[in-house]
Amino acid sequence: MVVGEGSLANGVWTAGTFRFVDTWPADLALRDAIVLLELRSLEGDGKPFDNYYLHGWRAGVERVRAVLRFDVLWFKPGATLEIRNVVVR
């Protein structure tokens, strides 16, 4: 699920957080109860944000897309997974 797009100074990602509105929703189940926040470069030569040493420093500004990745195992009709306070710096 795409959360949004933005830019990072020098391609350095320092923080990424989010929270669930309902910590344990009763109307759906996630594989391993995990949701991952990923940052993906929108630059043609952009490297993955696996860690600082693999991605490295980049002169200027790097355009990025923030994505939440998860697998739903089952859900009841009408189920929602509400996420708030997404922060990427």
Protein backbone atom coordinates (compact mmCIF):
# COMPACT_ATOMS: atom_id res chain seq x y z
CA MET A 1 0.00 0.00 0.00
CA VAL A 2 1.55 3.30 -1.10
CA VAL A 3 1.57 5.82 1.76
CA GLY A 4 3.01 8.76 -0.15
CA GLU A 5 5.98 10.33 -1.90
CA GLY A 6 8.57 12.79 -0.70
CA SER A 7 12.26 13.53 -0.75
CA LEU A 8 15.25 12.95 1.50
CA ALA A 9 18.21 15.28 1.86
CA ASN A 10 21.33 13.49 0.64
CA GLY A 11 19.37 10.23 0.41
CA VAL A 12 19.72 9.60 4.15
CA TRP A 13 16.72 7.94 5.85
CA THR A 14 16.94 8.49 9.61
CA ALA A 15 13.50 7.45 10.93
CA GLY A 16 10.44 5.53 9.82
CA THR A 17 7.51 4.81 12.14
CA PHE A 18 3.74 4.22 12.14
CA ARG A 19 1.14 2.88 14.53
CA PHE A 20 -2.06 0.83 14.37
CA VAL A 21 -5.26 2.41 15.66
CA ASP A 22 -6.31 -1.02 17.00
CA THR A 23 -3.27 -2.99 18.17
CA TRP A 24 -4.94 -6.40 17.69
CA PRO A 25 -7.82 -6.12 15.20
CA ALA A 26 -10.32 -8.96 15.67
CA ASP A 27 -11.64 -8.95 12.10
CA LEU A 28 -8.43 -9.75 10.21
CA ALA A 29 -5.14 -11.61 10.57
CA LEU A 30 -1.75 -10.66 9.16
CA ARG A 31 0.98 -13.15 8.28
CA ASP A 32 3.39 -13.21 11.24
CA ALA A 33 1.55 -10.07 12.57
CA ILE A 34 4.01 -7.95 10.58
CA VAL A 35 3.67 -4.73 8.61
CA LEU A 36 6.86 -3.36 7.05
CA LEU A 37 7.49 0.28 6.18
CA GLU A 38 9.65 0.38 3.05
CA LEU A 39 11.24 3.33 1.32
CA ARG A 40 11.80 3.02 -2.42
CA SER A 41 13.91 5.36 -4.49
CA LEU A 42 12.22 7.06 -7.43
CA GLU A 43 15.57 7.96 -8.99
CA GLY A 44 16.70 5.98 -12.03
CA ASP A 45 19.99 5.07 -10.35
CA GLY A 46 18.52 4.78 -6.82
CA LYS A 47 19.72 1.97 -4.61
CA PRO A 48 17.56 0.00 -2.15
CA PHE A 49 17.23 1.41 1.38
CA ASP A 50 18.32 -1.88 2.98
CA ASN A 51 20.72 0.00 5.24
CA TYR A 52 22.90 3.12 5.18
CA TYR A 53 26.04 1.27 4.08
CA LEU A 54 24.41 -0.38 1.06
CA HIS A 55 22.41 2.70 0.04
CA GLY A 56 25.06 5.26 0.87
CA TRP A 57 25.07 9.04 0.80
CA ARG A 58 23.73 10.89 -2.23
CA ALA A 59 24.44 14.50 -3.18
CA GLY A 60 21.32 16.67 -3.23
CA VAL A 61 17.79 15.37 -2.79
CA GLU A 62 16.52 11.84 -3.49
CA ARG A 63 12.86 11.39 -4.42
CA VAL A 64 11.27 8.46 -2.58
CA ARG A 65 8.01 6.54 -2.19
CA ALA A 66 6.91 5.19 1.22
CA VAL A 67 5.12 1.83 1.09
CA LEU A 68 3.54 -0.36 3.77
CA ARG A 69 3.91 -4.05 2.95
CA PHE A 70 1.90 -6.84 4.59
CA ASP A 71 0.09 -10.10 3.84
CA VAL A 72 -3.51 -10.60 4.98
CA LEU A 73 -4.19 -14.24 5.88
CA TRP A 74 -7.94 -13.84 6.42
CA PHE A 75 -10.52 -11.16 7.08
CA LYS A 76 -14.20 -10.71 7.86
CA PRO A 77 -16.27 -8.68 5.36
CA GLY A 78 -15.95 -4.97 6.15
CA ALA A 79 -12.64 -5.38 8.00
CA THR A 80 -10.29 -2.41 8.17
CA LEU A 81 -6.66 -2.00 9.18
CA GLU A 82 -6.30 1.60 10.31
CA ILE A 83 -2.80 3.03 10.41
CA ARG A 84 -1.90 6.47 11.78
CA ASN A 85 1.09 8.71 12.39
CA VAL A 86 3.29 7.56 9.52
CA VAL A 87 6.64 9.34 9.79
CA VAL A 88 9.53 9.16 7.35
CA ARG A 89 12.60 11.37 7.88
